[in-house]
Protein backbone atom coordinates (compact mmCIF):
# COMPACT_ATOMS: atom_id res chain seq x y z
CA MET A 1 -66.45 -53.48 69.01
CA ARG A 2 -63.54 -50.98 68.79
CA GLY A 3 -60.81 -51.59 66.50
CA ARG A 4 -57.09 -52.32 67.87
CA LYS A 5 -55.11 -49.19 68.59
CA ASN A 6 -52.52 -48.55 65.28
CA PRO A 7 -49.07 -49.21 67.30
CA PHE A 8 -47.75 -46.56 64.98
CA PRO A 9 -49.77 -43.58 64.56
CA GLY A 10 -49.26 -41.73 61.21
CA VAL A 11 -48.66 -45.10 58.94
CA GLY A 12 -51.61 -45.91 56.94
CA ASN A 13 -53.25 -49.53 57.21
CA GLN A 14 -52.31 -50.78 54.02
CA PRO A 15 -48.52 -49.94 52.40
CA SER A 16 -48.32 -47.92 49.09
CA VAL A 17 -46.58 -50.16 45.91
CA ASP A 18 -43.84 -48.35 43.73
CA ARG A 19 -43.74 -48.58 40.18
CA HIS A 20 -41.46 -51.67 40.60
CA GLY A 21 -43.97 -53.56 42.79
CA LYS A 22 -42.24 -52.81 45.97
CA LYS A 23 -44.52 -52.51 49.41
CA ARG A 24 -43.49 -48.68 51.21
CA TRP A 25 -45.14 -47.96 54.50
CA ARG A 26 -45.61 -43.98 54.32
CA LEU A 27 -45.67 -42.20 57.80
CA ARG A 28 -47.40 -38.88 57.66
CA LYS A 29 -47.60 -37.14 60.68
CA THR A 30 -47.39 -33.65 62.69
CA VAL A 31 -45.45 -33.82 65.91
CA LYS A 32 -45.19 -30.11 67.71
CA GLY A 33 -45.44 -28.45 63.98
CA ARG A 34 -43.43 -30.51 62.58
CA LYS A 35 -44.46 -32.03 59.46
CA ILE A 36 -42.63 -35.65 59.19
CA ASP A 37 -43.47 -37.36 55.68
CA VAL A 38 -41.13 -40.21 55.01
CA TYR A 39 -40.97 -43.63 53.87
CA LEU A 40 -39.83 -46.28 56.32
CA PRO A 41 -37.99 -48.78 55.56
CA GLY A 42 -38.36 -52.75 55.79
CA PRO A 43 -41.31 -54.57 56.90
CA TYR A 44 -43.90 -53.69 58.96
CA GLY A 45 -43.32 -53.74 62.58
CA SER A 46 -39.71 -55.07 61.95
CA VAL A 47 -36.86 -54.13 63.88
CA GLU A 48 -35.54 -51.83 61.02
CA PHE A 49 -39.01 -50.16 60.74
CA ARG A 50 -39.28 -49.66 64.62
CA LEU A 51 -35.95 -47.99 64.52
CA ALA A 52 -37.00 -45.75 61.53
CA TYR A 53 -40.06 -44.63 62.75
CA ASP A 54 -38.78 -43.50 66.49
CA ALA A 55 -35.97 -41.96 64.78
CA ALA A 56 -38.59 -40.09 62.28
CA VAL A 57 -41.01 -39.04 65.15
CA ASN A 58 -38.22 -38.28 67.65
CA PRO A 59 -35.29 -37.22 66.05
CA VAL A 60 -31.92 -36.50 68.14
CA SER A 61 -30.80 -33.07 68.21
CA GLU A 62 -27.14 -33.17 67.18
CA ALA A 63 -25.95 -30.43 69.12
CA PRO A 64 -27.29 -31.12 73.18
CA LYS A 65 -28.80 -27.70 74.88
CA THR A 66 -25.49 -27.69 77.35
CA ARG A 67 -26.20 -25.27 80.64
CA GLY A 68 -23.30 -24.11 83.27
CA ALA A 69 -20.00 -23.41 82.23
CA VAL A 70 -18.22 -25.80 80.11
CA GLY A 71 -16.22 -28.45 82.48
CA THR A 72 -18.82 -28.51 85.54
CA PHE A 73 -21.21 -31.14 86.25
CA ASP A 74 -24.08 -28.88 85.20
CA TYR A 75 -22.33 -28.99 81.53
CA VAL A 76 -21.74 -32.42 81.41
CA VAL A 77 -24.92 -33.26 83.23
CA SER A 78 -26.78 -31.62 80.36
CA HIS A 79 -25.03 -32.60 77.60
CA TYR A 80 -25.36 -36.25 78.27
CA ARG A 81 -29.27 -35.83 79.11
CA GLY A 82 -29.58 -34.30 75.22
CA ASN A 83 -27.75 -37.04 73.89
CA GLN A 84 -28.61 -40.31 72.16
CA LYS A 85 -27.16 -42.23 74.60
CA PHE A 86 -29.22 -41.52 76.98
CA GLY A 87 -32.33 -40.93 75.00
CA VAL A 88 -32.51 -44.50 74.04
CA LEU A 89 -32.69 -46.01 77.47
CA ALA A 90 -36.10 -47.23 78.97
CA ALA A 91 -39.01 -44.43 79.88
CA SER A 92 -38.16 -45.97 83.47
CA THR A 93 -34.74 -45.98 83.57
CA ARG A 94 -34.48 -42.37 82.45
CA TYR A 95 -37.06 -41.08 85.14
CA ALA A 96 -34.30 -43.42 87.64
CA LYS A 97 -31.24 -41.43 86.24
CA GLY A 98 -32.41 -38.42 85.81
CA LYS A 99 -33.41 -38.36 89.03
CA ARG A 100 -29.74 -39.29 90.57
CA LEU A 101 -28.38 -36.59 88.35
CA ASP A 102 -30.57 -34.09 89.36
CA TRP A 103 -29.29 -35.05 92.85
CA ILE A 104 -25.83 -34.81 91.69
CA CYS A 105 -25.99 -31.54 90.11
CA GLN A 106 -28.04 -30.06 93.21
CA PHE A 107 -25.14 -30.83 95.22
CA ILE A 108 -21.94 -30.18 92.75
CA GLY A 109 -23.33 -28.80 89.54
CA SER A 110 -21.15 -25.56 89.31
CA ALA A 111 -18.15 -28.06 90.26
CA ARG A 112 -15.70 -28.47 87.57
CA LEU A 113 -15.03 -32.14 86.86
CA ALA A 114 -11.18 -31.93 86.85
CA ASP A 115 -11.38 -30.77 90.98
CA LEU A 116 -13.15 -33.44 92.51
CA GLU A 117 -11.12 -35.89 94.36
CA THR A 118 -11.93 -39.11 95.93
CA ARG A 119 -12.50 -37.25 99.25
CA HIS A 120 -15.24 -35.14 97.94
CA ILE A 121 -16.92 -38.50 96.10
CA GLU A 122 -16.49 -40.36 99.63
CA ASN A 123 -18.37 -37.32 101.61
CA LEU A 124 -21.31 -37.44 98.73
CA MET A 125 -21.47 -41.26 99.02
CA ASP A 126 -21.80 -40.98 103.02
CA ARG A 127 -24.60 -37.80 102.04
CA LYS A 128 -26.51 -40.80 100.12
CA GLY A 129 -27.72 -42.45 103.59
CA GLY A 130 -27.32 -46.11 102.51
CA PRO A 131 -24.96 -48.62 101.12
CA ASP A 132 -26.58 -48.99 97.68
CA ALA A 133 -27.40 -45.88 96.93
CA ALA A 134 -24.12 -44.87 97.66
CA ASN A 135 -22.55 -46.92 95.07
CA ARG A 136 -25.33 -46.00 92.47
CA LEU A 137 -24.33 -42.26 93.04
CA LEU A 138 -20.52 -43.91 92.55
CA LYS A 139 -21.40 -45.55 89.46
CA GLU A 140 -23.27 -42.44 88.10
CA LEU A 141 -20.12 -40.50 89.01
CA SER A 142 -17.87 -42.87 87.04
CA GLU A 143 -20.38 -42.99 83.93
CA LEU A 144 -20.01 -39.01 83.74
CA PHE A 145 -16.15 -39.09 83.82
CA ASP A 146 -16.15 -41.38 81.04
CA TYR A 147 -18.63 -39.58 78.82
CA ALA A 148 -16.77 -36.69 79.40
CA ARG A 149 -13.46 -38.03 78.31
CA LYS A 150 -14.71 -40.21 75.35
CA ARG A 151 -17.89 -37.93 74.00
CA LEU A 152 -16.46 -33.88 75.07
CA GLY A 153 -12.70 -34.58 74.83
CA MET A 154 -12.16 -33.40 78.67
CA ASN A 155 -8.43 -34.23 79.62
CA ILE A 156 -9.35 -34.94 82.94
CA GLN A 157 -8.35 -38.19 85.08
CA ASN A 158 -11.45 -40.17 86.42
CA PRO A 159 -11.16 -40.23 90.60
CA THR A 160 -14.06 -42.99 90.97
CA GLY A 161 -11.71 -45.95 91.02
CA SER A 162 -10.08 -45.36 94.29
CA ALA A 163 -13.01 -44.43 96.35
CA GLU A 164 -14.46 -47.37 98.06
CA LYS A 165 -17.95 -49.00 97.26
CA ARG A 166 -19.82 -49.75 100.40
CA LYS A 167 -20.44 -52.74 101.62
CA THR A 168 -24.58 -54.32 100.67
CA ARG A 169 -26.79 -57.11 101.14
CA GLU A 170 -25.92 -60.25 99.99
CA GLY A 171 -27.88 -60.96 97.19
CA GLY A 172 -29.53 -57.65 96.72
CA TYR A 173 -33.28 -57.35 97.32
CA HIS A 174 -35.19 -60.16 99.94
CA THR A 175 -36.57 -62.78 98.21
CA TRP A 176 -40.06 -63.87 99.35
CA THR A 177 -40.31 -67.15 101.18
CA VAL A 178 -43.14 -69.72 101.12
CA ALA A 179 -43.85 -68.84 104.67
CA GLU A 180 -44.28 -64.94 103.47
CA VAL A 181 -46.39 -65.50 100.81
CA GLU A 182 -48.63 -67.38 102.57
CA GLN A 183 -49.33 -64.77 105.32
CA PHE A 184 -49.80 -62.20 102.77
CA ARG A 185 -52.64 -64.50 101.29
CA ASP A 186 -53.99 -65.39 104.53
CA TRP A 187 -54.20 -61.60 105.28
CA HIS A 188 -55.58 -60.61 101.88
CA PRO A 189 -58.53 -62.94 101.12
CA SER A 190 -59.40 -63.72 97.47
CA GLY A 191 -60.74 -60.59 95.69
CA THR A 192 -58.89 -57.74 97.17
CA MET A 193 -56.89 -55.45 95.12
CA ALA A 194 -54.06 -56.24 97.66
CA ARG A 195 -54.60 -60.33 96.77
CA LEU A 196 -54.53 -59.42 92.85
CA ALA A 197 -51.59 -57.55 92.89
CA LEU A 198 -49.37 -60.60 94.35
CA GLU A 199 -50.91 -62.94 92.44
CA LEU A 200 -50.06 -61.00 89.33
CA MET A 201 -46.41 -60.23 89.81
CA LEU A 202 -46.23 -63.55 91.11
CA ALA A 203 -47.29 -65.29 88.50
CA THR A 204 -45.88 -63.50 85.44
CA GLY A 205 -42.82 -62.17 87.56
CA ALA A 206 -43.71 -58.30 86.09
CA SER A 207 -41.72 -55.46 88.06
CA ARG A 208 -43.75 -52.59 89.27
CA GLN A 209 -44.24 -50.94 86.36
CA ASP A 210 -45.33 -53.29 84.22
CA ALA A 211 -47.99 -54.70 86.71
CA CYS A 212 -49.37 -50.81 87.01
CA VAL A 213 -50.11 -51.16 83.15
CA MET A 214 -51.45 -54.86 82.96
CA GLY A 215 -54.94 -55.23 82.03
CA ARG A 216 -56.96 -57.10 80.02
CA GLN A 217 -55.27 -56.06 76.68
CA ASN A 218 -52.63 -58.41 77.93
CA ILE A 219 -54.89 -61.51 77.51
CA LYS A 220 -54.77 -63.27 74.37
CA GLY A 221 -56.73 -66.47 74.09
CA ASP A 222 -54.96 -68.81 76.59
CA VAL A 223 -51.75 -66.43 77.14
CA ILE A 224 -50.88 -63.44 79.36
CA TYR A 225 -47.95 -61.59 77.38
CA TYR A 226 -46.24 -57.96 77.59
CA ARG A 227 -43.55 -56.07 77.00
CA ARG A 228 -41.00 -55.49 80.29
CA GLY A 229 -40.57 -51.67 80.37
CA LYS A 230 -36.72 -51.95 81.30
CA THR A 231 -35.33 -54.04 78.62
CA GLY A 232 -37.98 -53.97 75.86
CA GLN A 233 -38.43 -57.86 75.66
CA ASP A 234 -41.79 -59.56 75.08
CA THR A 235 -42.61 -62.35 77.09
CA GLU A 236 -45.63 -64.42 76.48
CA LEU A 237 -46.82 -67.16 79.36
CA PRO A 238 -49.62 -69.95 79.67
CA LEU A 239 -52.50 -68.74 81.79
CA ALA A 240 -52.94 -72.74 82.50
CA TYR A 241 -50.25 -72.55 85.03
CA MET A 242 -51.54 -69.62 87.05
CA PRO A 243 -54.44 -71.18 88.86
CA TYR A 244 -54.31 -68.54 91.73
CA LEU A 245 -53.79 -65.14 89.33
CA VAL A 246 -56.98 -66.56 86.74
CA ALA A 247 -59.21 -66.71 90.14
CA GLU A 248 -58.78 -63.08 90.88
CA ILE A 249 -58.95 -62.19 87.33
CA VAL A 250 -62.50 -63.67 87.03
CA GLN A 251 -63.70 -61.98 89.94
CA LEU A 252 -63.17 -58.47 88.02
CA PRO A 253 -66.39 -56.73 86.50
CA PRO A 254 -65.95 -57.11 82.20
CA SER A 255 -65.76 -53.48 81.82
CA THR A 256 -62.18 -53.63 83.84
CA SER A 257 -59.30 -52.33 81.67
CA VAL A 258 -56.30 -52.00 83.85
CA PHE A 259 -55.69 -54.55 86.60
CA LEU A 260 -54.55 -52.67 89.55
CA THR A 261 -56.50 -48.90 90.08
CA HIS A 262 -56.97 -46.72 92.62
CA GLY A 263 -59.87 -44.06 93.52
CA LYS A 264 -62.31 -43.89 90.24
CA GLY A 265 -60.85 -46.76 88.52
CA ARG A 266 -57.17 -44.80 87.96
CA ALA A 267 -53.91 -46.78 87.38
CA TYR A 268 -50.92 -46.14 89.90
CA THR A 269 -47.94 -44.82 89.12
CA VAL A 270 -44.98 -46.85 89.91
CA GLU A 271 -43.83 -44.70 92.82
CA SER A 272 -47.53 -45.05 94.19
CA PHE A 273 -47.74 -48.66 93.56
CA GLY A 274 -45.07 -49.49 95.77
CA ASN A 275 -45.60 -47.49 98.55
CA TRP A 276 -49.19 -48.98 98.50
CA PHE A 277 -47.84 -52.49 97.94
CA GLY A 278 -45.53 -51.25 100.89
CA ASP A 279 -48.18 -50.75 103.11
CA GLN A 280 -50.29 -54.00 102.42
CA CYS A 281 -47.31 -55.99 103.14
CA SER A 282 -47.03 -54.05 106.41
CA ALA A 283 -50.42 -54.59 107.17
CA ALA A 284 -50.57 -58.62 106.74
CA GLY A 285 -47.26 -58.06 109.61
CA LEU A 286 -44.60 -58.83 106.85
CA PRO A 287 -41.30 -57.05 107.34
CA ASP A 288 -39.91 -54.23 105.61
CA ARG A 289 -37.83 -56.23 103.62
CA CYS A 290 -40.67 -57.48 101.91
CA ARG A 291 -41.45 -55.67 99.04
CA ALA A 292 -42.63 -55.92 94.92
CA HIS A 293 -39.47 -56.44 93.53
CA GLY A 294 -38.86 -59.66 96.11
CA LEU A 295 -41.57 -61.86 94.32
CA ARG A 296 -40.02 -61.58 91.36
CA LYS A 297 -37.05 -63.27 92.97
CA HIS A 298 -39.74 -65.85 94.45
CA GLY A 299 -40.92 -66.71 90.93
CA ALA A 300 -37.66 -66.93 89.68
CA THR A 301 -36.24 -68.99 92.93
CA GLU A 302 -39.00 -71.35 92.79
CA LEU A 303 -38.22 -72.05 88.93
CA ALA A 304 -34.63 -72.67 89.70
CA GLU A 305 -35.53 -74.95 92.80
CA ALA A 306 -37.63 -77.10 89.93
CA GLY A 307 -34.94 -77.26 87.23
CA ALA A 308 -35.74 -74.71 85.04
CA ASN A 309 -32.56 -73.65 82.99
CA GLU A 310 -30.93 -70.06 82.25
CA PHE A 311 -33.12 -69.44 79.35
CA GLN A 312 -36.13 -70.44 81.27
CA ILE A 313 -35.78 -68.22 83.77
CA MET A 314 -34.49 -65.41 81.54
CA ALA A 315 -37.70 -65.93 79.39
CA PHE A 316 -39.55 -65.99 82.44
CA LEU A 317 -37.87 -62.79 84.07
CA ALA A 318 -37.96 -61.04 80.51
CA HIS A 319 -34.07 -60.21 80.93
CA LYS A 320 -31.93 -59.99 77.83
CA SER A 321 -29.20 -62.14 78.73
CA THR A 322 -28.84 -65.17 81.19
CA ARG A 323 -26.37 -63.11 83.44
CA GLU A 324 -28.61 -62.73 86.07
CA ALA A 325 -30.66 -65.84 85.36
CA LEU A 326 -27.84 -67.73 86.20
CA ARG A 327 -27.23 -66.87 89.87
CA TYR A 328 -30.82 -68.37 90.32
CA VAL A 329 -29.67 -71.59 88.95
CA ARG A 330 -26.15 -72.06 91.50
CA THR A 331 -28.05 -71.29 94.22
CA ALA A 332 -30.50 -73.80 93.63
CA GLN A 333 -27.66 -75.91 92.65
CA ARG A 334 -25.74 -75.48 95.31
CA LYS A 335 -28.91 -76.23 97.59
CA LYS A 336 -29.36 -79.48 95.66
CA LEU A 337 -26.07 -80.59 95.91
CA ALA A 338 -25.72 -80.30 99.46
CA SER A 339 -28.51 -82.41 100.03
CA ASP A 340 -27.15 -84.85 97.55
CA ALA A 341 -23.36 -84.56 99.69
CA LEU A 342 -24.72 -85.11 103.09
CA ALA A 343 -27.36 -88.11 101.58
CA LEU A 344 -24.04 -89.91 100.48
CA ALA A 345 -22.12 -89.40 103.54
CA ARG A 346 -24.97 -89.93 106.19
CA THR A 347 -26.59 -92.81 105.53
CA LYS A 348 -28.74 -92.78 109.33
CA ASN A 349 -31.77 -90.50 109.05
CA VAL A 350 -34.77 -89.67 111.16
CA SER A 351 -37.56 -91.71 110.54
CA ASN A 352 -41.27 -89.99 110.84
CA LEU A 353 -39.40 -87.08 110.84
CA SER A 354 -42.56 -84.65 110.47
CA ASP A 355 -44.08 -86.35 113.72
CA TRP A 356 -40.79 -85.96 115.60
CA LEU A 357 -40.61 -81.97 114.83
CA ASP A 358 -44.47 -81.82 115.79
CA LYS A 359 -43.18 -82.94 119.48
CA TYR A 360 -42.91 -79.55 121.52
CA THR A 361 -43.46 -81.25 124.74
CA VAL A 362 -40.21 -80.68 127.54
CA GLN A 363 -38.84 -83.53 128.46
CA VAL A 364 -38.60 -83.64 132.33
CA ILE A 365 -35.04 -84.84 133.44
CA GLU A 366 -35.45 -86.62 137.14
CA ASN A 367 -32.48 -86.10 139.06
CA LYS A 368 -31.38 -89.77 140.41
CA VAL A 369 -30.90 -89.91 144.41
CA LYS A 370 -27.29 -91.23 144.68
């Protein structure tokens, strides 16, 4: 039986004890030719310990490497990407943000921030196409201007405040309905990879990037746990409340490590998984709005309508705060309040409603002869 992988490579299995009887953990490791030999503070695995370990293994350069002329977007973006502010972001966030920054440099990299006007920003937003992408671009530009002023001492105005945000869909990504979930299940039978993907994200609330790497290593006894890549928050969920997911997992070969694979047992990348799952939705006849992220929202909505509070939903979604969870709670409360209001004001109701709704026979109205 193989031992558990060391989460902190370079740190020994046992601490050393100094002459005062204090336990200290020693890190000895070579990274890209650079030798590291330091003692880490705090108890093993503590926040203080982790921060010191990360700082030793991934030191932040005091002077980020820059490109382009001073004052240009190339210069500011390259300085920002070499700074700790960018380095501390989650890997998935850095990747997506990096793509957007590359796009900015592609179009206006050689332009000076001081020369950018509102009309230029509006034109750039139009190039991004969709309203969500345009608004993300506006936010990205605003952050670059703030960074240039606060970190680089550039005496410039931020013109993004006068640019008009694009109107977006209410509530963002589409939340899957119960009928849409059942339609997917009807098309993709139990035992298929598509069905496993659906049940995994529904049961755990995992996002694409987290679902891609989950496997048997995430199951400990009667719980399944994972650390969300975007927030770094841990969540632990009892399998006893996941019958559909358990029914899929027990069908996997004992040698399976990662749950969702393609080809010769290879794990998906976030992008390829999203595209593949979108194809599975299309195959089931679902509209384009049904995507992986909407399953997280379906799970959160289900909990809110069952009476879960914002702290419980926050824990399920592995969020850092209750801000997003409150949206689900308030929506569920509005539905209940409306129903309760109707019950108070309108005492008459339809008896045998289900039977009445099943009657599709068109009534023939006879014209009376005068």
